[in-house]
């Protein structure tokens, strides 16, 4: 199944909050910009931020795999 990205646009005063949610990993990121910013650019920025967050999570998981659990006394 291909991963879908869900975008939510919310206007709060004179700012626009764009939230991107990954349907596969359920990761969520938010980008804040002026209301007059181009929506396509904000969608691209939010999706890149989402991919970066997913990549950081994968690196964090891989790093933990090699670490022993518990305390050495």
Foldseek 3Di string as FASTA:
>chain_A
DDKDWDWDWDDDPQKIKIWIAIPVPRDIDIDIGGPPDDPVVRVVVNVVVVVVVVVVVVVVVVVVVPDDDDDDD
